Amino acid sequence: MIADWLERKEVCICAGSGGVGKTTTSAAIALGMAARGGKVAVVTIDPARRLASSLGLAELGGEERRVAVDVEGELWAMMLDAKRTFDDLIEWHAPDERTRDAVLGNRIYQELSNAVAGSQEYMAMEKLHELHQEGRYDLLVLDTPPTRNALDFLDAPRRLSEFIDSRSFRVLAAPSRMGLKVLGHGTGVALSLLKRATGIDVLRDLGEFFRSFGGMTDGMRERAGRVSELLADSRTAFVLVTSPRRDALEEAAFFHRRLVDAGLPFAGVVANRVHQAGGPTDPAELVELLGEPLARKVLRTYDEERRLAERDRLNLAELRSRLGRKPMIEVPHLHDDVHDLDGLRQMDEFLFGVRPGSIGRRPRPSPSRRTR
């Protein structure tokens, strides 16, 4: 069961393609581990914001919120605020208040930080690292973007370090006159016209931003290295979430190869929405019980389910052969979409092997946050 995968782990990163139930799986893992006495935080960067509704919350923000559920431990949740994380990163690395204010107030930075907030991958890793360093939780569960985008966050620390060390960064950090020469006469004329039309000196803002930012590069390069180390740490576990659909399984196999090639700690696969055929059905008994017209419909539906179950079995068998000895947990196709705590408890019956209703349902007042 998944509790065995996460034994002595401090970080669980859930990744997978879109539409496979990755967000609800992340929430269910966090709930199940909190039920075992841990203080657990689940962090989402999913723009669909489904995590809040799954946990019975009206909304999530940039601060951790306690989920009112009666478990042995504590369950907390938050939505990543990527721009705020970027601002915090600047404040952390700025050598003094003047440099900090120069960067935060710079128009180029404001546009850049909003753009980074849109991609979110590196900021997600920063927030994960920050929460881990604070040591307030026994386990952090991160819900990531769909698989191919999730691969971007694996490379994000390296890309940041490469940019800091690049010739382009050194050019942009050069004095404005030198930067103008590098950009070329045509670009210089265009920027001069823009300045006269709008009053905005783009080249000066660029130079000021990169010169101020340049004083933080050593700290940010070191921080990016620590983020990469956390991803590869033995205390981290990658859980791949998929479904029996052919396209989702291809994504899962691709992501598995990337993790193995990168030497990252892959724990196992959760296969969601697996069709399972029931036992044999006697047509004569159904006709006697339901009447012939209704019995025919029931038998047709049963036959469709049986075919879907066989398809899922074959697809998952192929994925198992590609995973080698890595474990897989199957969560059956549930009748209702998982959108609340009751649905998460139902998932935990399969993820953790718990009996129905063993995870408490009674909300209790949220105590003040404790520290480890």
Protein backbone atom coordinates (compact mmCIF):
# COMPACT_ATOMS: atom_id res chain seq x y z
CA MET A 1 0.00 0.00 0.00
CA ILE A 2 1.02 3.59 -0.48
CA ALA A 3 1.88 4.08 3.20
CA ASP A 4 4.76 1.65 2.62
CA TRP A 5 6.00 3.75 -0.31
CA LEU A 6 6.07 6.86 1.89
CA GLU A 7 7.66 5.35 4.97
CA ARG A 8 10.42 7.71 6.18
CA LYS A 9 9.63 10.09 3.30
CA GLU A 10 9.23 13.83 3.79
CA VAL A 11 8.20 14.86 0.25
CA CYS A 12 5.73 13.17 -2.11
CA ILE A 13 5.54 14.58 -5.65
CA CYS A 14 2.47 13.44 -7.60
CA ALA A 15 2.81 13.76 -11.37
CA GLY A 16 0.77 12.62 -14.33
CA SER A 17 -1.07 13.68 -17.45
CA GLY A 18 -4.27 15.68 -17.36
CA GLY A 19 -7.60 14.05 -16.64
CA VAL A 20 -6.31 11.06 -14.65
CA GLY A 21 -7.33 12.23 -11.16
CA LYS A 22 -3.90 13.48 -10.09
CA THR A 23 -5.22 16.34 -7.94
CA THR A 24 -7.68 14.14 -6.07
CA THR A 25 -5.02 11.45 -5.64
CA SER A 26 -2.70 14.04 -4.09
CA ALA A 27 -5.44 15.08 -1.68
CA ALA A 28 -6.32 11.46 -0.86
CA ILE A 29 -2.67 10.63 -0.12
CA ALA A 30 -2.41 13.65 2.18
CA LEU A 31 -5.64 12.72 3.98
CA GLY A 32 -4.57 9.11 4.38
CA MET A 33 -1.17 10.03 5.80
CA ALA A 34 -2.75 12.54 8.20
CA ALA A 35 -5.07 9.77 9.35
CA ARG A 36 -1.94 7.85 10.34
CA GLY A 37 -0.87 10.60 12.69
CA GLY A 38 1.31 12.78 10.48
CA LYS A 39 1.19 16.53 10.08
CA VAL A 40 0.72 16.75 6.33
CA ALA A 41 0.47 19.66 3.87
CA VAL A 42 -0.78 19.27 0.31
CA VAL A 43 0.25 21.99 -2.16
CA THR A 44 -1.36 22.46 -5.55
CA ILE A 45 -0.33 24.48 -8.58
CA ASP A 46 -3.29 23.16 -10.57
CA PRO A 47 -5.00 26.16 -12.19
CA ALA A 48 -8.33 24.29 -12.09
CA ARG A 49 -8.32 24.74 -8.29
CA ARG A 50 -10.09 21.41 -7.75
CA LEU A 51 -8.11 20.65 -4.61
CA ALA A 52 -10.07 23.11 -2.49
CA SER A 53 -13.42 21.52 -3.31
CA SER A 54 -12.02 18.03 -2.78
CA LEU A 55 -11.01 19.04 0.74
CA GLY A 56 -14.33 20.71 1.51
CA LEU A 57 -12.87 24.24 1.39
CA ALA A 58 -14.45 27.18 -0.38
CA GLU A 59 -11.07 28.28 -1.70
CA LEU A 60 -7.33 28.01 -1.20
CA GLY A 61 -4.81 30.82 -1.00
CA GLY A 62 -1.10 31.36 -0.64
CA GLU A 63 -1.13 30.50 3.08
CA GLU A 64 -1.57 26.98 4.44
CA ARG A 65 -5.08 26.31 5.76
CA ARG A 66 -6.06 23.63 8.26
CA VAL A 67 -8.66 21.20 6.90
CA ALA A 68 -11.39 20.43 9.42
CA VAL A 69 -11.36 16.64 9.41
CA ASP A 70 -11.16 14.30 12.39
CA VAL A 71 -7.88 12.42 11.95
CA GLU A 72 -5.03 11.42 14.26
CA GLY A 73 -2.67 13.95 12.72
CA GLU A 74 -3.22 17.28 10.94
CA LEU A 75 -4.12 18.04 7.34
CA TRP A 76 -3.17 21.39 5.78
CA ALA A 77 -3.60 22.66 2.22
CA MET A 78 -2.50 25.61 0.13
CA MET A 79 -2.59 26.94 -3.43
CA LEU A 80 0.75 28.13 -4.76
CA ASP A 81 0.96 31.89 -5.33
CA ALA A 82 3.83 31.88 -7.81
CA LYS A 83 4.35 35.66 -7.98
CA ARG A 84 4.42 35.96 -4.21
CA THR A 85 6.95 33.12 -4.07
CA PHE A 86 9.09 34.97 -6.61
CA ASP A 87 8.88 38.17 -4.51
CA ASP A 88 9.86 36.23 -1.39
CA LEU A 89 12.81 34.78 -3.28
CA ILE A 90 14.03 38.27 -4.19
CA GLU A 91 13.65 39.46 -0.58
CA TRP A 92 15.55 36.45 0.68
CA HIS A 93 18.54 36.90 -1.65
CA ALA A 94 18.76 40.70 -1.85
CA PRO A 95 21.95 41.86 -0.07
CA ASP A 96 20.22 44.97 1.30
CA GLU A 97 16.90 46.83 1.33
CA ARG A 98 17.96 49.19 -1.44
CA THR A 99 18.65 46.33 -3.85
CA ARG A 100 15.44 44.58 -2.83
CA ASP A 101 13.32 47.67 -3.48
CA ALA A 102 15.14 48.37 -6.75
CA VAL A 103 14.24 44.93 -8.08
CA LEU A 104 10.69 44.69 -6.73
CA GLY A 105 9.85 48.17 -8.01
CA ASN A 106 11.40 47.66 -11.43
CA ARG A 107 8.92 47.47 -14.32
CA ILE A 108 10.90 44.72 -16.05
CA TYR A 109 10.81 42.61 -12.89
CA GLN A 110 7.08 43.15 -12.46
CA GLU A 111 6.43 41.90 -15.98
CA LEU A 112 8.93 39.06 -15.62
CA SER A 113 7.50 37.89 -12.29
CA ASN A 114 4.00 37.80 -13.73
CA ALA A 115 5.28 35.75 -16.66
CA VAL A 116 7.05 33.33 -14.33
CA ALA A 117 3.89 33.12 -12.24
CA GLY A 118 2.17 31.84 -15.37
CA SER A 119 4.60 28.95 -15.89
CA GLN A 120 4.96 28.25 -12.16
CA GLU A 121 7.30 25.27 -12.35
CA TYR A 122 10.34 26.75 -10.67
CA MET A 123 8.27 28.66 -8.12
CA ALA A 124 6.58 25.38 -7.15
CA MET A 125 9.99 23.88 -6.43
CA GLU A 126 10.99 26.98 -4.46
CA LYS A 127 7.88 26.77 -2.28
CA LEU A 128 8.41 23.06 -1.77
CA HIS A 129 12.01 23.68 -0.71
CA GLU A 130 10.96 26.53 1.59
CA LEU A 131 8.31 24.45 3.37
CA HIS A 132 10.71 21.53 3.68
CA GLN A 133 13.43 23.73 5.17
CA GLU A 134 11.00 25.13 7.74
CA GLY A 135 10.41 21.60 9.00
CA ARG A 136 6.85 22.19 10.20
CA TYR A 137 5.38 19.15 8.45
CA ASP A 138 6.05 15.44 8.55
CA LEU A 139 5.10 15.11 4.88
CA LEU A 140 4.63 17.53 1.97
CA VAL A 141 2.48 16.37 -0.96
CA LEU A 142 2.88 18.35 -4.19
CA ASP A 143 0.27 18.22 -6.95
CA THR A 144 2.03 19.11 -10.20
CA PRO A 145 0.94 20.26 -13.68
CA PRO A 146 0.19 17.63 -16.36
CA THR A 147 3.10 15.32 -17.16
CA ARG A 148 4.91 17.03 -20.04
CA ASN A 149 4.75 20.34 -18.16
CA ALA A 150 5.72 18.55 -14.97
CA LEU A 151 8.93 17.51 -16.68
CA ASP A 152 9.73 21.21 -16.93
CA PHE A 153 9.94 21.54 -13.16
CA LEU A 154 12.55 18.77 -13.09
CA ASP A 155 14.75 20.93 -15.30
CA ALA A 156 13.80 24.32 -13.83
CA PRO A 157 16.69 24.61 -11.30
CA ARG A 158 19.23 23.70 -13.98
CA ARG A 159 17.75 26.19 -16.45
CA LEU A 160 17.93 28.98 -13.88
CA SER A 161 21.58 28.22 -13.13
CA GLU A 162 22.43 28.10 -16.83
CA PHE A 163 20.74 31.46 -17.43
CA ILE A 164 22.64 33.08 -14.56
CA ASP A 165 25.92 31.79 -16.01
CA SER A 166 25.05 32.66 -19.62
CA ARG A 167 26.60 35.34 -21.81
CA SER A 168 23.11 36.80 -22.36
CA PHE A 169 22.79 37.56 -18.67
CA ARG A 170 26.18 39.27 -18.58
CA VAL A 171 25.26 41.39 -21.61
CA LEU A 172 21.95 42.48 -20.13
CA ALA A 173 23.63 43.30 -16.85
CA ALA A 174 26.11 45.59 -18.65
CA PRO A 175 25.77 49.40 -18.51
CA SER A 176 23.01 50.79 -20.72
CA ARG A 177 25.35 52.23 -23.38
CA MET A 178 27.08 48.87 -23.84
CA GLY A 179 23.77 47.06 -23.86
CA LEU A 180 22.52 49.40 -26.56
CA LYS A 181 25.55 48.58 -28.74
CA VAL A 182 24.96 44.85 -28.29
CA LEU A 183 21.29 45.12 -29.10
CA GLY A 184 22.10 46.90 -32.33
CA HIS A 185 21.25 50.23 -33.96
CA GLY A 186 17.77 49.22 -35.16
CA THR A 187 16.72 48.04 -31.72
CA GLY A 188 18.18 51.18 -30.17
CA VAL A 189 16.14 53.43 -32.48
CA ALA A 190 12.96 51.47 -31.72
CA LEU A 191 13.53 51.73 -27.97
CA SER A 192 14.24 55.46 -28.29
CA LEU A 193 10.96 55.98 -30.14
CA LEU A 194 9.16 53.93 -27.51
CA LYS A 195 10.68 56.10 -24.78
CA ARG A 196 9.53 59.31 -26.49
CA ALA A 197 6.02 57.94 -27.04
CA THR A 198 5.47 56.41 -23.60
CA GLY A 199 8.06 57.93 -21.33
CA ILE A 200 9.36 54.45 -20.51
CA ASP A 201 13.08 53.87 -20.89
CA VAL A 202 13.04 50.13 -21.52
CA LEU A 203 16.80 49.81 -21.95
CA ARG A 204 17.48 51.65 -18.70
CA ASP A 205 14.92 49.51 -16.86
CA LEU A 206 16.50 46.37 -18.31
CA GLY A 207 19.96 47.45 -17.27
CA GLU A 208 18.90 48.46 -13.78
CA PHE A 209 17.02 45.22 -13.25
CA PHE A 210 19.82 42.94 -14.38
CA ARG A 211 22.50 44.91 -12.54
CA SER A 212 20.48 44.75 -9.30
CA PHE A 213 19.62 41.12 -9.93
CA GLY A 214 23.27 40.34 -10.62
CA GLY A 215 24.15 40.79 -6.95
CA MET A 216 21.88 37.89 -6.06
CA THR A 217 23.14 35.36 -8.56
CA ASP A 218 25.44 33.44 -6.22
CA GLY A 219 22.68 32.90 -3.69
CA MET A 220 20.11 31.95 -6.32
CA ARG A 221 22.52 29.56 -8.02
CA GLU A 222 23.18 27.90 -4.67
CA ARG A 223 19.46 27.76 -3.90
CA ALA A 224 18.73 26.17 -7.29
CA GLY A 225 21.32 23.53 -6.48
CA ARG A 226 19.62 22.76 -3.17
CA VAL A 227 16.26 22.46 -4.90
CA SER A 228 17.77 19.91 -7.31
CA GLU A 229 19.24 18.04 -4.36
CA LEU A 230 15.82 17.86 -2.70
CA LEU A 231 14.29 16.32 -5.82
CA ALA A 232 16.94 13.59 -5.80
CA ASP A 233 16.99 13.10 -2.02
CA SER A 234 16.10 9.71 -0.54
CA ARG A 235 13.48 11.49 1.57
CA THR A 236 11.55 12.37 -1.62
CA ALA A 237 9.18 10.02 -3.46
CA PHE A 238 7.73 10.52 -6.95
CA VAL A 239 4.30 8.95 -7.36
CA LEU A 240 3.08 8.69 -10.94
CA VAL A 241 -0.70 8.93 -11.40
CA THR A 242 -2.26 7.52 -14.55
CA SER A 243 -5.34 5.79 -15.92
CA PRO A 244 -5.78 2.72 -18.16
CA ARG A 245 -6.26 4.92 -21.24
CA ARG A 246 -3.63 4.26 -23.90
CA ASP A 247 -2.51 7.91 -24.17
CA ALA A 248 -2.21 8.27 -20.39
CA LEU A 249 -0.16 5.07 -20.18
CA GLU A 250 2.23 6.30 -22.87
CA GLU A 251 2.72 9.50 -20.88
CA ALA A 252 3.31 7.43 -17.75
CA ALA A 253 5.94 5.27 -19.44
CA PHE A 254 7.66 8.37 -20.81
CA PHE A 255 7.76 10.05 -17.41
CA HIS A 256 9.00 6.86 -15.75
CA ARG A 257 11.92 6.72 -18.19
CA ARG A 258 12.80 10.34 -17.44
CA LEU A 259 12.82 9.73 -13.69
CA VAL A 260 14.95 6.62 -14.03
CA ASP A 261 17.39 8.33 -16.40
CA ALA A 262 17.70 11.27 -13.98
CA GLY A 263 18.25 8.96 -11.00
CA LEU A 264 15.26 10.41 -9.15
CA PRO A 265 13.43 8.41 -6.42
CA PHE A 266 10.45 6.84 -8.17
CA ALA A 267 8.08 5.10 -5.72
CA GLY A 268 5.33 3.62 -7.86
CA VAL A 269 2.20 4.13 -9.95
CA VAL A 270 -1.39 4.82 -8.98
CA ALA A 271 -3.74 3.71 -11.77
CA ASN A 272 -7.08 5.48 -11.42
CA ARG A 273 -10.50 4.70 -12.89
CA VAL A 274 -9.83 1.05 -13.64
CA HIS A 275 -12.89 -0.82 -14.89
CA GLN A 276 -13.56 -4.07 -13.05
CA ALA A 277 -15.98 -6.71 -14.30
CA GLY A 278 -18.32 -8.34 -11.81
CA GLY A 279 -18.85 -12.03 -11.33
CA PRO A 280 -20.68 -14.29 -13.80
CA THR A 281 -24.29 -13.45 -14.48
CA ASP A 282 -27.04 -15.99 -15.25
CA PRO A 283 -29.23 -14.52 -18.04
CA ALA A 284 -32.16 -16.74 -17.11
CA GLU A 285 -32.12 -15.49 -13.52
CA LEU A 286 -32.02 -11.88 -14.70
CA VAL A 287 -34.97 -12.41 -17.03
CA GLU A 288 -36.94 -14.00 -14.20
CA LEU A 289 -36.00 -11.20 -11.82
CA LEU A 290 -36.26 -8.15 -14.12
CA GLY A 291 -38.26 -9.20 -17.14
CA GLU A 292 -36.84 -9.72 -20.61
CA PRO A 293 -36.56 -6.08 -21.88
CA LEU A 294 -34.75 -4.79 -18.78
CA ALA A 295 -32.65 -7.95 -18.45
CA ARG A 296 -31.41 -7.45 -22.03
CA LYS A 297 -30.25 -3.90 -21.19
CA VAL A 298 -28.52 -5.05 -18.02
CA LEU A 299 -26.71 -7.85 -19.87
CA ARG A 300 -25.61 -5.43 -22.60
CA THR A 301 -24.23 -3.02 -20.00
CA TYR A 302 -22.50 -5.87 -18.19
CA ASP A 303 -20.91 -7.03 -21.45
CA GLU A 304 -19.62 -3.50 -22.16
CA GLU A 305 -18.12 -3.30 -18.67
CA ARG A 306 -16.50 -6.69 -19.14
CA ARG A 307 -14.86 -5.54 -22.40
CA LEU A 308 -13.65 -2.32 -20.80
CA ALA A 309 -12.25 -4.27 -17.85
CA GLU A 310 -10.38 -6.60 -20.21
CA ARG A 311 -8.97 -3.64 -22.15
CA ASP A 312 -7.81 -2.01 -18.90
CA ARG A 313 -6.25 -5.26 -17.71
CA LEU A 314 -4.23 -5.65 -20.90
CA ASN A 315 -3.12 -1.99 -20.95
CA LEU A 316 -2.00 -2.06 -17.33
CA ALA A 317 -0.21 -5.37 -17.85
CA GLU A 318 1.85 -3.72 -20.61
CA LEU A 319 2.72 -0.80 -18.32
CA ARG A 320 3.72 -3.22 -15.54
CA SER A 321 6.12 -4.93 -17.92
CA ARG A 322 7.76 -1.56 -18.64
CA LEU A 323 7.96 -0.61 -14.95
CA GLY A 324 9.83 -3.72 -13.92
CA ARG A 325 9.55 -4.33 -10.19
CA LYS A 326 8.06 -0.97 -9.29
CA PRO A 327 4.65 -1.36 -7.59
CA MET A 328 1.27 -0.30 -8.93
CA ILE A 329 -1.96 0.37 -7.02
CA GLU A 330 -5.26 0.16 -8.88
CA VAL A 331 -8.17 2.40 -7.89
CA PRO A 332 -11.40 1.21 -9.53
CA HIS A 333 -13.69 3.40 -11.59
CA LEU A 334 -15.91 4.95 -8.92
CA HIS A 335 -19.57 5.67 -9.65
CA ASP A 336 -19.35 9.29 -8.51
CA ASP A 337 -16.68 11.87 -9.31
CA VAL A 338 -14.41 12.50 -6.32
CA HIS A 339 -15.18 16.07 -5.27
CA ASP A 340 -15.30 16.03 -1.47
CA LEU A 341 -13.84 14.41 1.65
CA ASP A 342 -16.17 11.41 1.40
CA GLY A 343 -14.83 10.72 -2.08
CA LEU A 344 -11.24 10.99 -0.82
CA ARG A 345 -12.02 8.51 1.96
CA GLN A 346 -13.39 6.11 -0.64
CA MET A 347 -10.14 6.41 -2.63
CA ASP A 348 -8.13 5.76 0.53
CA GLU A 349 -9.80 2.37 0.88
CA PHE A 350 -7.76 1.34 -2.17
CA LEU A 351 -4.66 3.53 -1.72
CA PHE A 352 -4.12 2.55 1.91
CA GLY A 353 -6.17 -0.63 2.26
CA VAL A 354 -8.32 0.89 5.00
CA ARG A 355 -11.77 -0.33 5.86
CA PRO A 356 -14.70 1.92 4.85
CA GLY A 357 -15.36 4.71 7.34
CA SER A 358 -12.11 4.23 9.29
CA ILE A 359 -11.01 7.81 8.57
CA GLY A 360 -12.95 10.16 10.83
CA ARG A 361 -15.72 12.34 9.48
CA ARG A 362 -16.36 14.73 12.34
CA PRO A 363 -14.80 18.19 11.87
CA ARG A 364 -13.10 19.72 14.88
CA PRO A 365 -11.91 23.25 15.64
CA SER A 366 -8.62 24.20 14.03
CA PRO A 367 -5.93 24.63 16.70
CA SER A 368 -3.06 27.05 16.38
CA ARG A 369 -0.23 25.76 14.20
CA ARG A 370 2.47 23.86 16.03
CA THR A 371 6.10 23.63 15.02
CA ARG A 372 8.37 20.62 14.89
